[in-house]
Amino acid sequence: MSDESLANRRISDMSKQDIGKLKAEIKPKLAEFLSNLSGIEIKVRDSQVAGIIEFVKGLEAWQEKCRYIPDEQTRKRLLNEVLNLTFDAFGHGQFDEPLDAFLVVAYESFKNPSRSDFLSKTRYMEYRNIVFQLVKRLTEEGKLDEYNAFMNTVDENEVYNSTQLAIQIHKEVSFLQKKHRTITNATIRRYIHIHDLIGNLMEKHVRILYGIHEILAGKPADYQVLKKERNLTNLVGPLKEEKPYSVLLYPFNVSVRNAMSHGSVGLEPTAKRIRFDDNRHPVKRSYRPFMQDTRELYSSVLLLSKLQDGIVMYKFMLAKQHFDSLKEQKEPTPNAS
């Protein structure tokens, strides 16, 4: 009896009570498998479990087979089978190459904004290319373990605060989408509020970006050490002097940020300007340029927040390239006698 039929018989012969117990076990097993496969935490809903029973059967059979198969081509075929089952279960449809499906899902976070989206009027694609460049360097230079260790130094409170900020910003994004023919004081005050939220989140990404800079330079990095640096200029300054970091920080003005954090911000309605009183470097910005500054800042922060998604996507891309190269390999031909 084949391993596959044994797996099917073992599950199909279960009583309803046993199947109920199995469903309760599937949820954490499937979440663990998909999380290990993708490199990110994936949660499985109860409503999905019933439709994934067949996937679990195939997974069990695949795991059993792979223990005894040294041949890489055969393992690849079995992996494709299990990935097809995965996407069947999650409603993504059937793909000739399941890794293509993972790439499609992963790239969804980075797709080009539509023409009507305000992000298309920012340097979104330039920021995206820089994020991809950093992901490529971290991966190809073998720095992912150091990056992960660095990210593990981010405390839970910081993660929670970042999540709450992201939620608040998401609620305000639709206001950035609006076209304002007439700019009122209320409009600008709303933009100042949104800019403050985004700037707060950008501070946290500045520390992460500085940590990546140190890791790629072969130096140790610890988020808690960077968090103790109260003078933001000491982190932003060096990064703004070096590409590609300077591109991502182009829309981030430390003087504006400091004025919002612990200085003062005032409007000059007649001149249609905003005055940012940072004790060291006061700044004035006209209304419309400041509105564009805010959109640019959001665009950069949005892509920085997807750095981990970029790493996952790059891993899938490398896996696909590896499997594609296996396809192109020809069977060795015997020497002519």
Protein backbone atom coordinates (compact mmCIF):
# COMPACT_ATOMS: atom_id res chain seq x y z
CA MET A 1 0.00 0.00 0.00
CA SER A 2 1.40 3.39 -1.00
CA ASP A 3 2.17 6.10 1.51
CA GLU A 4 -0.49 8.31 -0.10
CA SER A 5 -3.33 5.76 0.21
CA LEU A 6 -2.22 4.99 3.75
CA ALA A 7 -2.49 8.69 4.59
CA ASN A 8 -5.93 8.89 3.01
CA ARG A 9 -7.17 5.78 4.79
CA ARG A 10 -5.83 6.93 8.12
CA ILE A 11 -7.77 10.18 7.96
CA SER A 12 -10.88 9.05 6.11
CA ASP A 13 -11.44 6.19 8.54
CA MET A 14 -11.68 8.57 11.47
CA SER A 15 -14.92 8.97 13.37
CA LYS A 16 -16.71 12.33 13.42
CA GLN A 17 -15.40 12.87 16.91
CA ASP A 18 -11.84 12.17 15.79
CA ILE A 19 -12.23 14.47 12.79
CA GLY A 20 -13.39 17.20 15.16
CA LYS A 21 -10.25 16.69 17.20
CA LEU A 22 -8.18 16.71 14.01
CA LYS A 23 -9.67 20.05 12.95
CA ALA A 24 -8.66 21.51 16.30
CA GLU A 25 -5.11 20.27 15.68
CA ILE A 26 -4.93 21.47 12.08
CA LYS A 27 -5.13 25.16 12.89
CA PRO A 28 -1.81 25.50 14.76
CA LYS A 29 -0.07 22.93 12.52
CA LEU A 30 -1.07 24.73 9.35
CA ALA A 31 -0.22 28.14 10.77
CA GLU A 32 3.22 26.86 11.79
CA PHE A 33 3.87 25.26 8.39
CA LEU A 34 2.87 28.33 6.38
CA SER A 35 4.75 30.65 8.72
CA ASN A 36 7.92 28.59 8.36
CA LEU A 37 7.48 28.44 4.60
CA SER A 38 6.94 32.18 4.14
CA GLY A 39 9.10 33.58 6.92
CA ILE A 40 6.24 35.68 8.34
CA GLU A 41 3.56 34.91 10.90
CA ILE A 42 0.38 33.63 9.24
CA LYS A 43 -2.86 33.20 11.13
CA VAL A 44 -5.49 30.65 10.09
CA ARG A 45 -9.16 31.37 10.72
CA ASP A 46 -11.55 28.73 12.06
CA SER A 47 -13.75 29.15 8.98
CA GLN A 48 -10.86 28.00 6.77
CA VAL A 49 -10.08 24.81 8.66
CA ALA A 50 -12.87 22.64 7.21
CA GLY A 51 -11.73 23.32 3.64
CA ILE A 52 -8.12 22.51 4.46
CA ILE A 53 -8.62 18.91 5.60
CA GLU A 54 -7.56 17.69 2.15
CA PHE A 55 -4.53 19.95 2.31
CA VAL A 56 -3.50 18.39 5.62
CA LYS A 57 -3.83 14.89 4.13
CA GLY A 58 -1.59 15.86 1.25
CA LEU A 59 0.85 17.54 3.60
CA GLU A 60 1.15 14.45 5.77
CA ALA A 61 1.79 12.26 2.74
CA TRP A 62 4.30 14.76 1.33
CA GLN A 63 6.21 14.99 4.61
CA GLU A 64 6.37 11.21 4.87
CA LYS A 65 7.63 10.80 1.30
CA CYS A 66 10.27 13.49 1.59
CA ARG A 67 11.99 11.63 4.40
CA TYR A 68 13.10 8.96 1.96
CA ILE A 69 13.63 10.93 -1.26
CA PRO A 70 17.13 12.27 -1.87
CA ASP A 71 16.30 13.31 -5.44
CA GLU A 72 15.80 17.11 -5.63
CA GLN A 73 13.59 16.99 -8.73
CA THR A 74 11.14 14.66 -7.03
CA ARG A 75 11.11 16.80 -3.90
CA LYS A 76 10.36 19.81 -6.08
CA ARG A 77 7.40 18.02 -7.68
CA LEU A 78 6.02 17.06 -4.28
CA LEU A 79 6.53 20.61 -3.01
CA ASN A 80 4.55 21.92 -5.98
CA GLU A 81 1.75 19.50 -5.12
CA VAL A 82 1.58 20.75 -1.55
CA LEU A 83 1.70 24.40 -2.63
CA ASN A 84 -1.12 23.77 -5.10
CA LEU A 85 -3.16 22.30 -2.26
CA THR A 86 -2.34 25.35 -0.17
CA PHE A 87 -3.58 27.81 -2.76
CA ASP A 88 -6.63 25.68 -3.47
CA ALA A 89 -7.48 25.81 0.22
CA PHE A 90 -6.95 29.55 0.52
CA GLY A 91 -8.84 30.42 -2.65
CA HIS A 92 -5.96 31.76 -4.74
CA GLY A 93 -6.68 29.31 -7.52
CA GLN A 94 -4.42 26.91 -9.34
CA PHE A 95 -1.02 27.98 -10.65
CA ASP A 96 1.21 26.07 -13.05
CA GLU A 97 4.09 27.10 -10.79
CA PRO A 98 2.95 27.61 -7.17
CA LEU A 99 6.01 29.74 -6.39
CA ASP A 100 4.64 32.20 -8.94
CA ALA A 101 1.53 32.39 -6.79
CA PHE A 102 3.56 33.22 -3.70
CA LEU A 103 5.40 35.91 -5.65
CA VAL A 104 2.12 37.40 -6.88
CA VAL A 105 0.74 37.52 -3.34
CA ALA A 106 3.99 38.95 -1.93
CA TYR A 107 4.34 41.58 -4.66
CA GLU A 108 0.78 42.76 -4.09
CA SER A 109 2.10 44.96 -1.27
CA PHE A 110 4.45 46.72 -3.68
CA LYS A 111 2.34 47.14 -6.80
CA ASN A 112 2.37 50.48 -8.62
CA PRO A 113 -0.24 52.96 -7.35
CA SER A 114 -3.03 53.86 -9.75
CA ARG A 115 -2.93 57.22 -11.53
CA SER A 116 -5.71 58.52 -9.31
CA ASP A 117 -3.80 57.60 -6.15
CA PHE A 118 -1.84 60.49 -4.60
CA LEU A 119 1.09 58.07 -4.16
CA SER A 120 1.60 58.17 -7.93
CA LYS A 121 2.49 61.87 -7.53
CA THR A 122 5.25 61.00 -5.04
CA ARG A 123 8.61 59.26 -5.42
CA TYR A 124 6.92 56.00 -4.45
CA MET A 125 8.65 53.84 -7.07
CA GLU A 126 12.03 55.32 -6.22
CA TYR A 127 11.49 54.57 -2.53
CA ARG A 128 10.34 51.06 -3.44
CA ASN A 129 13.48 50.42 -5.49
CA ILE A 130 15.63 51.48 -2.54
CA VAL A 131 13.78 49.11 -0.19
CA PHE A 132 14.33 46.29 -2.70
CA GLN A 133 18.00 47.26 -2.92
CA LEU A 134 18.38 47.00 0.87
CA VAL A 135 16.57 43.66 0.91
CA LYS A 136 18.88 42.34 -1.81
CA ARG A 137 22.00 43.43 0.07
CA LEU A 138 20.85 41.96 3.39
CA THR A 139 20.10 38.66 1.65
CA GLU A 140 23.05 38.36 -0.71
CA GLU A 141 25.60 39.55 1.84
CA GLY A 142 24.37 36.98 4.35
CA LYS A 143 23.18 39.57 6.87
CA LEU A 144 19.63 38.33 7.46
CA ASP A 145 20.49 36.59 10.72
CA GLU A 146 22.05 39.79 12.04
CA TYR A 147 19.05 41.79 10.83
CA ASN A 148 16.63 39.40 12.57
CA ALA A 149 18.68 39.56 15.76
CA PHE A 150 18.58 43.35 15.57
CA MET A 151 14.79 43.36 15.07
CA ASN A 152 14.45 41.10 18.10
CA THR A 153 15.88 43.95 20.21
CA VAL A 154 12.79 46.05 19.45
CA ASP A 155 10.73 45.92 22.64
CA GLU A 156 7.04 44.99 22.75
CA ASN A 157 5.97 48.50 23.75
CA GLU A 158 7.69 49.92 20.68
CA VAL A 159 5.96 47.38 18.45
CA TYR A 160 2.61 48.18 20.05
CA ASN A 161 3.12 51.94 19.69
CA SER A 162 4.14 51.55 16.06
CA THR A 163 1.04 49.47 15.36
CA GLN A 164 -1.23 52.04 17.01
CA LEU A 165 0.41 54.85 15.03
CA ALA A 166 -0.03 52.91 11.79
CA ILE A 167 -3.73 52.45 12.58
CA GLN A 168 -4.18 56.18 13.26
CA ILE A 169 -2.34 57.10 10.07
CA HIS A 170 -4.42 54.67 8.02
CA LYS A 171 -7.58 56.44 9.22
CA GLU A 172 -6.21 59.77 7.95
CA VAL A 173 -4.86 58.66 4.56
CA SER A 174 -8.11 59.42 2.71
CA PHE A 175 -7.64 63.11 3.60
CA LEU A 176 -4.30 63.12 1.77
CA GLN A 177 -6.14 61.84 -1.29
CA LYS A 178 -8.42 64.88 -1.48
CA LYS A 179 -7.73 67.70 -3.91
CA HIS A 180 -7.95 71.07 -2.18
CA ARG A 181 -8.60 73.94 -4.57
CA THR A 182 -8.83 76.28 -1.62
CA ILE A 183 -6.56 75.68 1.34
CA THR A 184 -8.08 76.78 4.61
CA ASN A 185 -6.42 77.03 8.00
CA ALA A 186 -8.43 73.96 9.05
CA THR A 187 -7.00 72.03 6.09
CA ILE A 188 -3.44 72.91 7.05
CA ARG A 189 -4.00 72.09 10.71
CA ARG A 190 -5.26 68.67 9.65
CA TYR A 191 -2.15 68.19 7.51
CA ILE A 192 0.06 69.22 10.43
CA HIS A 193 -1.69 66.62 12.60
CA ILE A 194 -1.20 63.90 9.96
CA HIS A 195 2.42 64.93 9.38
CA ASP A 196 3.04 64.67 13.12
CA LEU A 197 1.66 61.11 13.21
CA ILE A 198 3.73 60.02 10.21
CA GLY A 199 6.84 61.75 11.55
CA ASN A 200 6.45 59.92 14.85
CA LEU A 201 6.37 56.60 13.03
CA MET A 202 9.28 57.65 10.80
CA GLU A 203 11.42 58.20 13.92
CA LYS A 204 11.09 54.49 14.67
CA HIS A 205 11.96 53.57 11.08
CA VAL A 206 14.98 55.88 11.21
CA ARG A 207 16.37 53.73 14.03
CA ILE A 208 15.71 50.56 12.04
CA LEU A 209 17.29 52.12 8.95
CA TYR A 210 20.33 53.15 10.97
CA GLY A 211 20.57 49.61 12.34
CA ILE A 212 20.54 48.22 8.79
CA HIS A 213 23.24 50.75 7.86
CA GLU A 214 25.41 49.48 10.73
CA ILE A 215 24.77 45.80 9.93
CA LEU A 216 25.73 46.25 6.27
CA ALA A 217 28.86 48.08 7.41
CA GLY A 218 29.82 45.07 9.53
CA LYS A 219 29.04 46.75 12.85
CA PRO A 220 26.80 45.60 15.74
CA ALA A 221 23.32 47.09 16.02
CA ASP A 222 20.90 47.22 18.94
CA TYR A 223 17.56 49.03 18.76
CA GLN A 224 17.59 49.79 22.49
CA VAL A 225 20.93 51.57 22.17
CA LEU A 226 19.64 53.62 19.22
CA LYS A 227 16.45 54.40 21.14
CA LYS A 228 18.52 56.11 23.84
CA GLU A 229 19.90 58.58 21.29
CA ARG A 230 17.78 61.66 21.99
CA ASN A 231 19.30 63.85 19.27
CA LEU A 232 17.63 62.60 16.11
CA THR A 233 20.14 64.52 13.98
CA ASN A 234 22.88 62.14 15.11
CA LEU A 235 21.03 59.30 13.36
CA VAL A 236 19.47 61.12 10.42
CA GLY A 237 22.56 63.21 9.59
CA PRO A 238 24.89 60.33 8.63
CA LEU A 239 22.11 58.56 6.72
CA LYS A 240 21.24 61.66 4.69
CA GLU A 241 24.86 61.87 3.56
CA GLU A 242 24.87 58.37 2.09
CA LYS A 243 22.83 56.75 -0.65
CA PRO A 244 20.52 54.89 -0.76
CA TYR A 245 19.43 55.93 2.76
CA SER A 246 19.34 59.60 1.80
CA VAL A 247 16.62 58.90 -0.76
CA LEU A 248 14.30 57.29 1.78
CA LEU A 249 14.89 60.17 4.22
CA TYR A 250 14.51 62.89 1.60
CA PRO A 251 11.04 63.92 2.87
CA PHE A 252 12.00 63.79 6.56
CA ASN A 253 12.95 67.18 8.00
CA VAL A 254 14.41 66.89 11.50
CA SER A 255 13.75 70.56 12.31
CA VAL A 256 10.07 70.17 11.40
CA ARG A 257 9.91 66.99 13.45
CA ASN A 258 11.54 68.62 16.48
CA ALA A 259 9.21 71.61 16.28
CA MET A 260 6.22 69.28 16.30
CA SER A 261 7.62 67.14 19.13
CA HIS A 262 8.87 69.72 21.61
CA GLY A 263 8.90 73.12 19.88
CA SER A 264 6.01 75.07 18.42
CA VAL A 265 4.16 75.31 15.13
CA GLY A 266 2.37 78.46 13.97
CA LEU A 267 0.42 79.57 10.91
CA GLU A 268 1.02 82.72 8.89
CA PRO A 269 -2.31 82.86 7.01
CA THR A 270 -1.56 86.03 5.05
CA ALA A 271 1.67 84.62 3.63
CA LYS A 272 0.14 81.11 3.50
CA ARG A 273 3.11 79.70 5.38
CA ILE A 274 3.75 77.47 8.39
CA ARG A 275 6.42 78.37 10.92
CA PHE A 276 8.19 75.50 12.65
CA ASP A 277 10.07 76.83 15.67
CA ASP A 278 12.83 74.40 16.42
CA ASN A 279 15.20 76.08 18.89
CA ARG A 280 18.20 75.44 16.67
CA HIS A 281 16.94 75.59 13.08
CA PRO A 282 13.53 77.28 12.59
CA VAL A 283 11.88 76.42 9.28
CA LYS A 284 9.13 78.03 7.20
CA ARG A 285 7.15 76.12 4.58
CA SER A 286 4.41 77.34 2.26
CA TYR A 287 1.11 75.53 2.46
CA ARG A 288 1.15 73.50 -0.76
CA PRO A 289 4.81 72.40 -0.55
CA PHE A 290 4.17 71.25 3.01
CA MET A 291 1.15 69.25 1.87
CA GLN A 292 3.36 67.52 -0.71
CA ASP A 293 6.03 66.99 1.98
CA THR A 294 3.41 65.11 4.01
CA ARG A 295 2.44 62.89 1.09
CA GLU A 296 6.09 62.14 0.34
CA LEU A 297 6.74 61.30 3.99
CA TYR A 298 3.80 58.91 4.02
CA SER A 299 5.00 57.28 0.80
CA SER A 300 8.47 56.63 2.27
CA VAL A 301 7.15 55.36 5.63
CA LEU A 302 4.67 53.08 3.87
CA LEU A 303 7.44 51.32 1.97
CA LEU A 304 9.82 51.20 4.93
CA SER A 305 7.08 49.44 6.89
CA LYS A 306 7.02 46.72 4.21
CA LEU A 307 10.70 45.83 4.45
CA GLN A 308 9.92 42.42 5.99
CA ASP A 309 7.43 41.72 3.16
CA GLY A 310 10.23 42.54 0.73
CA ILE A 311 12.53 40.00 2.39
CA VAL A 312 9.85 37.31 2.10
CA MET A 313 9.26 38.16 -1.55
CA TYR A 314 12.98 38.04 -2.30
CA LYS A 315 13.25 34.60 -0.69
CA PHE A 316 10.45 33.32 -2.91
CA MET A 317 12.14 34.87 -5.94
CA LEU A 318 15.41 33.09 -5.14
CA ALA A 319 13.55 29.80 -4.64
CA LYS A 320 11.84 30.23 -8.00
CA GLN A 321 15.15 30.98 -9.72
CA HIS A 322 16.62 27.85 -8.16
CA PHE A 323 13.76 25.65 -9.31
CA ASP A 324 13.80 27.22 -12.78
CA SER A 325 17.51 26.45 -13.06
CA LEU A 326 16.78 22.83 -12.17
CA LYS A 327 14.31 22.70 -15.05
CA GLU A 328 16.93 23.83 -17.50
CA GLN A 329 19.40 21.13 -16.48
CA LYS A 330 19.55 18.35 -19.06
CA GLU A 331 19.94 14.70 -18.29
CA PRO A 332 23.55 13.60 -18.90
CA THR A 333 23.95 11.71 -22.14
CA PRO A 334 26.19 8.61 -22.32
CA ASN A 335 29.39 8.98 -24.27
CA ALA A 336 29.24 7.66 -27.79
CA SER A 337 30.96 4.36 -28.12
